[in-house]
């Protein structure tokens, strides 16, 4: 891989990838018939926002990184989860998102969604 892309696996993202909890499985488990995960529109919005000028990830570079990471590091993950992991990887490697903070927020969301 070229262009200085750091493809070193990120522990948090590797943990997520290894769990294999994809929308298709979750939708079946919870009886949801919508083929698209509810977060897909947010992912698309984030990617659109990142396409704006003077953004942390230049458009062509972000697309290149997404393609490279999707084809290599996250090839075994279905779309759109693969796109989400590739974007998170790029943002973490560039220091836009902190891995520990992302993990903390994910735990908070999980606790909120699984609270009875």
N, C-alpha and C. Protein backbone atom coordinates (compact mmCIF):
# COMPACT_ATOMS: atom_id res chain seq x y z
N UNK A 1 0.85 -1.19 0.00
CA UNK A 1 0.00 0.00 0.00
C UNK A 1 0.88 1.24 0.00
N UNK A 2 0.49 2.21 -0.73
CA UNK A 2 1.27 3.43 -0.86
C UNK A 2 0.64 4.59 -0.12
N UNK A 3 1.16 5.76 -0.46
CA UNK A 3 0.63 7.03 0.03
C UNK A 3 0.74 7.21 1.54
N UNK A 4 1.55 6.43 2.21
CA UNK A 4 1.74 6.63 3.64
C UNK A 4 0.59 6.15 4.51
N UNK A 5 -0.27 5.32 3.98
CA UNK A 5 -1.41 4.81 4.73
C UNK A 5 -0.92 3.83 5.79
N UNK A 6 -1.26 4.09 7.04
CA UNK A 6 -0.90 3.21 8.15
C UNK A 6 -1.98 2.15 8.29
N UNK A 7 -1.67 0.94 7.86
CA UNK A 7 -2.66 -0.14 7.91
C UNK A 7 -2.47 -1.05 9.12
N UNK A 8 -1.64 -0.62 10.04
CA UNK A 8 -1.47 -1.40 11.26
C UNK A 8 -2.83 -1.57 11.92
N UNK A 9 -3.21 -2.82 12.24
CA UNK A 9 -4.52 -3.02 12.87
C UNK A 9 -4.66 -2.20 14.16
N UNK A 10 -5.86 -1.71 14.37
CA UNK A 10 -6.19 -0.94 15.56
C UNK A 10 -6.94 -1.88 16.51
N UNK A 11 -6.44 -2.08 17.73
CA UNK A 11 -7.03 -3.07 18.63
C UNK A 11 -8.56 -2.98 18.77
N UNK A 12 -9.10 -1.81 18.99
CA UNK A 12 -10.55 -1.67 19.15
C UNK A 12 -11.29 -2.12 17.89
N UNK A 13 -10.80 -1.71 16.73
CA UNK A 13 -11.46 -2.08 15.48
C UNK A 13 -11.29 -3.57 15.19
N UNK A 14 -10.16 -4.13 15.57
CA UNK A 14 -9.96 -5.58 15.41
C UNK A 14 -10.93 -6.35 16.30
N UNK A 15 -11.15 -5.85 17.49
CA UNK A 15 -12.11 -6.49 18.40
C UNK A 15 -13.51 -6.46 17.79
N UNK A 16 -13.88 -5.32 17.24
CA UNK A 16 -15.19 -5.18 16.61
C UNK A 16 -15.30 -6.13 15.42
N UNK A 17 -14.26 -6.15 14.60
CA UNK A 17 -14.26 -7.01 13.41
C UNK A 17 -14.37 -8.48 13.80
N UNK A 18 -13.65 -8.88 14.82
CA UNK A 18 -13.64 -10.29 15.22
C UNK A 18 -14.97 -10.74 15.82
N UNK A 19 -15.75 -9.81 16.35
CA UNK A 19 -17.04 -10.17 16.94
C UNK A 19 -18.06 -10.53 15.86
N UNK A 20 -17.89 -9.98 14.67
CA UNK A 20 -18.75 -10.34 13.55
C UNK A 20 -20.22 -10.00 13.71
N UNK A 21 -20.53 -9.02 14.50
CA UNK A 21 -21.93 -8.62 14.70
C UNK A 21 -22.33 -7.64 13.61
N UNK A 22 -22.82 -8.15 12.50
CA UNK A 22 -23.20 -7.30 11.36
C UNK A 22 -24.71 -7.10 11.35
N UNK A 23 -25.15 -6.08 10.63
CA UNK A 23 -26.55 -5.70 10.62
C UNK A 23 -27.45 -6.85 10.20
N UNK A 24 -27.05 -7.61 9.21
CA UNK A 24 -27.89 -8.71 8.74
C UNK A 24 -28.21 -9.68 9.88
N UNK A 25 -27.24 -10.00 10.69
CA UNK A 25 -27.45 -10.89 11.84
C UNK A 25 -28.30 -10.24 12.92
N UNK A 26 -28.00 -8.98 13.23
CA UNK A 26 -28.75 -8.28 14.26
C UNK A 26 -30.20 -8.07 13.85
N UNK A 27 -30.42 -7.73 12.59
CA UNK A 27 -31.79 -7.52 12.11
C UNK A 27 -32.59 -8.80 12.25
N UNK A 28 -32.00 -9.92 11.87
CA UNK A 28 -32.69 -11.21 12.00
C UNK A 28 -32.96 -11.53 13.47
N UNK A 29 -31.99 -11.28 14.33
CA UNK A 29 -32.12 -11.56 15.75
C UNK A 29 -33.27 -10.78 16.38
N UNK A 30 -33.43 -9.53 15.97
CA UNK A 30 -34.45 -8.67 16.57
C UNK A 30 -35.70 -8.51 15.71
N UNK A 31 -35.80 -9.27 14.63
CA UNK A 31 -36.99 -9.24 13.79
C UNK A 31 -37.17 -7.96 13.01
N UNK A 32 -36.09 -7.30 12.66
CA UNK A 32 -36.15 -6.05 11.89
C UNK A 32 -36.08 -6.40 10.41
N UNK A 33 -36.98 -5.82 9.62
CA UNK A 33 -37.03 -6.15 8.20
C UNK A 33 -36.32 -5.13 7.31
N UNK A 34 -35.93 -4.00 7.86
CA UNK A 34 -35.21 -2.99 7.07
C UNK A 34 -33.84 -3.55 6.68
N UNK A 35 -33.53 -3.60 5.37
CA UNK A 35 -32.25 -4.17 4.96
C UNK A 35 -31.04 -3.28 5.29
N UNK A 36 -31.28 -2.01 5.58
CA UNK A 36 -30.18 -1.09 5.89
C UNK A 36 -30.13 -0.82 7.39
N UNK A 37 -28.92 -0.82 7.96
CA UNK A 37 -28.81 -0.49 9.38
C UNK A 37 -29.22 0.95 9.63
N UNK A 38 -29.79 1.24 10.79
CA UNK A 38 -30.26 2.60 11.06
C UNK A 38 -29.13 3.63 11.06
N UNK A 39 -27.92 3.21 11.27
CA UNK A 39 -26.79 4.13 11.31
C UNK A 39 -26.19 4.40 9.94
N UNK A 40 -26.66 3.70 8.90
CA UNK A 40 -26.07 3.86 7.56
C UNK A 40 -26.21 5.29 7.04
N UNK A 41 -27.36 5.90 7.27
CA UNK A 41 -27.56 7.28 6.80
C UNK A 41 -26.61 8.23 7.51
N UNK A 42 -26.32 7.98 8.78
CA UNK A 42 -25.34 8.81 9.51
C UNK A 42 -23.94 8.64 8.93
N UNK A 43 -23.59 7.40 8.60
CA UNK A 43 -22.29 7.13 7.99
C UNK A 43 -22.15 7.87 6.67
N UNK A 44 -23.20 7.81 5.85
CA UNK A 44 -23.16 8.51 4.57
C UNK A 44 -23.05 10.02 4.77
N UNK A 45 -23.74 10.54 5.78
CA UNK A 45 -23.66 11.97 6.08
C UNK A 45 -22.27 12.38 6.52
N UNK A 46 -21.63 11.55 7.34
CA UNK A 46 -20.27 11.84 7.78
C UNK A 46 -19.32 11.84 6.59
N UNK A 47 -19.47 10.85 5.72
CA UNK A 47 -18.62 10.79 4.53
C UNK A 47 -18.84 12.01 3.64
N UNK A 48 -20.10 12.43 3.49
CA UNK A 48 -20.39 13.64 2.71
C UNK A 48 -19.75 14.87 3.34
N UNK A 49 -19.85 14.97 4.67
CA UNK A 49 -19.26 16.12 5.36
C UNK A 49 -17.74 16.12 5.21
N UNK A 50 -17.15 14.94 5.23
CA UNK A 50 -15.70 14.84 5.06
C UNK A 50 -15.27 15.19 3.64
N UNK A 51 -16.23 15.18 2.72
CA UNK A 51 -15.93 15.54 1.33
C UNK A 51 -15.85 17.05 1.14
N UNK A 52 -16.23 17.81 2.15
CA UNK A 52 -16.20 19.27 2.05
C UNK A 52 -14.75 19.77 2.03
N UNK A 53 -14.58 20.95 1.51
CA UNK A 53 -13.25 21.57 1.47
C UNK A 53 -12.69 21.77 2.88
N UNK A 54 -11.39 21.78 2.98
CA UNK A 54 -10.67 22.05 4.22
C UNK A 54 -11.07 21.12 5.35
N UNK A 55 -11.29 19.87 5.00
CA UNK A 55 -11.67 18.88 6.00
C UNK A 55 -10.44 18.10 6.45
N UNK A 56 -10.59 17.38 7.54
CA UNK A 56 -9.48 16.60 8.08
C UNK A 56 -8.99 15.54 7.10
N UNK A 57 -9.88 15.02 6.28
CA UNK A 57 -9.52 14.01 5.30
C UNK A 57 -9.86 14.51 3.90
N UNK A 58 -8.87 14.88 3.09
CA UNK A 58 -9.17 15.28 1.72
C UNK A 58 -9.94 14.18 0.99
N UNK A 59 -10.87 14.56 0.13
CA UNK A 59 -11.80 13.62 -0.51
C UNK A 59 -11.09 12.45 -1.16
N UNK A 60 -10.18 12.72 -2.07
CA UNK A 60 -9.53 11.63 -2.78
C UNK A 60 -8.71 10.75 -1.85
N UNK A 61 -8.08 11.35 -0.87
CA UNK A 61 -7.30 10.59 0.09
C UNK A 61 -8.20 9.70 0.94
N UNK A 62 -9.32 10.24 1.39
CA UNK A 62 -10.27 9.45 2.18
C UNK A 62 -10.78 8.28 1.37
N UNK A 63 -11.15 8.54 0.11
CA UNK A 63 -11.67 7.47 -0.74
C UNK A 63 -10.59 6.41 -0.98
N UNK A 64 -9.37 6.86 -1.22
CA UNK A 64 -8.26 5.93 -1.42
C UNK A 64 -8.07 5.06 -0.17
N UNK A 65 -8.04 5.70 0.99
CA UNK A 65 -7.86 4.95 2.22
C UNK A 65 -9.00 3.97 2.45
N UNK A 66 -10.22 4.42 2.21
CA UNK A 66 -11.38 3.54 2.38
C UNK A 66 -11.27 2.33 1.46
N UNK A 67 -10.92 2.58 0.21
CA UNK A 67 -10.79 1.47 -0.75
C UNK A 67 -9.68 0.51 -0.34
N UNK A 68 -8.52 1.05 0.02
CA UNK A 68 -7.40 0.20 0.40
C UNK A 68 -7.71 -0.62 1.66
N UNK A 69 -8.24 0.03 2.67
CA UNK A 69 -8.56 -0.67 3.91
C UNK A 69 -9.67 -1.69 3.69
N UNK A 70 -10.65 -1.35 2.87
CA UNK A 70 -11.76 -2.26 2.59
C UNK A 70 -11.30 -3.49 1.83
N UNK A 71 -10.36 -3.31 0.92
CA UNK A 71 -9.88 -4.43 0.11
C UNK A 71 -8.90 -5.32 0.88
N UNK A 72 -8.18 -4.74 1.81
CA UNK A 72 -7.13 -5.50 2.48
C UNK A 72 -7.48 -5.84 3.93
N UNK A 73 -7.47 -4.86 4.78
CA UNK A 73 -7.62 -5.10 6.21
C UNK A 73 -9.02 -5.56 6.61
N UNK A 74 -10.05 -5.01 5.96
CA UNK A 74 -11.43 -5.30 6.35
C UNK A 74 -12.20 -6.06 5.26
N UNK A 75 -11.49 -6.78 4.41
CA UNK A 75 -12.11 -7.48 3.28
C UNK A 75 -13.13 -8.53 3.74
N UNK A 76 -12.95 -9.08 4.92
CA UNK A 76 -13.85 -10.13 5.41
C UNK A 76 -15.11 -9.58 6.08
N UNK A 77 -15.25 -8.27 6.11
CA UNK A 77 -16.40 -7.63 6.75
C UNK A 77 -17.37 -7.16 5.66
N UNK A 78 -18.66 -7.43 5.80
CA UNK A 78 -19.61 -6.99 4.77
C UNK A 78 -19.80 -5.47 4.77
N UNK A 79 -20.28 -4.97 3.64
CA UNK A 79 -20.63 -3.55 3.52
C UNK A 79 -21.98 -3.36 4.17
N UNK A 80 -22.28 -2.29 4.86
CA UNK A 80 -21.54 -1.06 5.09
C UNK A 80 -20.64 -1.08 6.33
N UNK A 81 -20.63 -2.19 7.06
CA UNK A 81 -19.77 -2.26 8.24
C UNK A 81 -18.30 -2.05 7.87
N UNK A 82 -17.91 -2.59 6.71
CA UNK A 82 -16.54 -2.43 6.22
C UNK A 82 -16.21 -0.95 6.01
N UNK A 83 -17.15 -0.20 5.44
CA UNK A 83 -16.95 1.23 5.21
C UNK A 83 -16.80 1.96 6.55
N UNK A 84 -17.60 1.59 7.52
CA UNK A 84 -17.54 2.21 8.84
C UNK A 84 -16.19 1.94 9.52
N UNK A 85 -15.73 0.70 9.47
CA UNK A 85 -14.43 0.37 10.07
C UNK A 85 -13.29 1.10 9.35
N UNK A 86 -13.35 1.17 8.03
CA UNK A 86 -12.30 1.87 7.27
C UNK A 86 -12.27 3.35 7.63
N UNK A 87 -13.44 3.97 7.74
CA UNK A 87 -13.49 5.39 8.11
C UNK A 87 -12.95 5.59 9.52
N UNK A 88 -13.38 4.75 10.46
CA UNK A 88 -12.89 4.87 11.84
C UNK A 88 -11.37 4.69 11.88
N UNK A 89 -10.87 3.75 11.11
CA UNK A 89 -9.43 3.51 11.05
C UNK A 89 -8.69 4.77 10.60
N UNK A 90 -9.16 5.37 9.51
CA UNK A 90 -8.53 6.59 8.99
C UNK A 90 -8.57 7.72 10.01
N UNK A 91 -9.72 7.89 10.65
CA UNK A 91 -9.86 8.98 11.62
C UNK A 91 -8.98 8.78 12.85
N UNK A 92 -8.87 7.54 13.30
CA UNK A 92 -8.01 7.24 14.44
C UNK A 92 -6.54 7.45 14.07
N UNK A 93 -6.13 6.93 12.93
CA UNK A 93 -4.73 7.06 12.51
C UNK A 93 -4.32 8.51 12.30
N UNK A 94 -5.25 9.36 11.92
CA UNK A 94 -4.95 10.78 11.69
C UNK A 94 -5.09 11.60 12.97
N UNK A 95 -5.52 10.97 14.07
CA UNK A 95 -5.65 11.69 15.32
C UNK A 95 -6.91 12.53 15.43
N UNK A 96 -7.84 12.33 14.50
CA UNK A 96 -9.11 13.07 14.54
C UNK A 96 -10.01 12.49 15.62
N UNK A 97 -9.94 11.17 15.78
CA UNK A 97 -10.71 10.44 16.79
C UNK A 97 -9.71 9.68 17.65
N UNK A 98 -9.92 9.71 18.96
CA UNK A 98 -9.07 8.98 19.89
C UNK A 98 -9.66 7.59 20.12
N UNK A 99 -8.85 6.57 19.98
CA UNK A 99 -9.33 5.20 20.12
C UNK A 99 -9.94 4.94 21.50
N UNK A 100 -9.31 5.40 22.55
CA UNK A 100 -9.83 5.19 23.91
C UNK A 100 -11.16 5.91 24.10
N UNK A 101 -11.27 7.12 23.57
CA UNK A 101 -12.52 7.87 23.69
C UNK A 101 -13.64 7.18 22.90
N UNK A 102 -13.30 6.68 21.72
CA UNK A 102 -14.29 5.95 20.93
C UNK A 102 -14.78 4.71 21.68
N UNK A 103 -13.86 4.00 22.29
CA UNK A 103 -14.23 2.81 23.05
C UNK A 103 -15.15 3.17 24.22
N UNK A 104 -14.84 4.25 24.92
CA UNK A 104 -15.67 4.70 26.04
C UNK A 104 -17.07 5.05 25.56
N UNK A 105 -17.15 5.78 24.47
CA UNK A 105 -18.46 6.18 23.94
C UNK A 105 -19.26 4.97 23.46
N UNK A 106 -18.58 4.01 22.86
CA UNK A 106 -19.27 2.80 22.41
C UNK A 106 -19.85 2.05 23.61
N UNK A 107 -19.11 1.98 24.70
CA UNK A 107 -19.60 1.32 25.90
C UNK A 107 -20.82 2.06 26.46
N UNK A 108 -20.77 3.39 26.45
CA UNK A 108 -21.91 4.18 26.93
C UNK A 108 -23.15 3.92 26.09
N UNK A 109 -22.99 3.88 24.79
CA UNK A 109 -24.13 3.62 23.90
C UNK A 109 -24.65 2.21 24.13
N UNK A 110 -23.75 1.24 24.26
CA UNK A 110 -24.17 -0.13 24.50
C UNK A 110 -24.97 -0.24 25.80
N UNK A 111 -24.48 0.39 26.85
CA UNK A 111 -25.19 0.36 28.14
C UNK A 111 -26.56 1.00 28.02
N UNK A 112 -26.64 2.10 27.32
CA UNK A 112 -27.92 2.79 27.15
C UNK A 112 -28.91 1.94 26.35
N UNK A 113 -28.43 1.26 25.32
CA UNK A 113 -29.31 0.47 24.47
C UNK A 113 -29.71 -0.86 25.10
N UNK A 114 -28.90 -1.36 26.01
CA UNK A 114 -29.22 -2.66 26.62
C UNK A 114 -29.81 -2.55 28.01
N UNK A 115 -29.99 -1.33 28.48
CA UNK A 115 -30.59 -1.11 29.79
C UNK A 115 -32.06 -1.57 29.75
N UNK A 116 -32.46 -2.26 30.78
CA UNK A 116 -33.86 -2.75 30.83
C UNK A 116 -34.69 -1.82 31.67
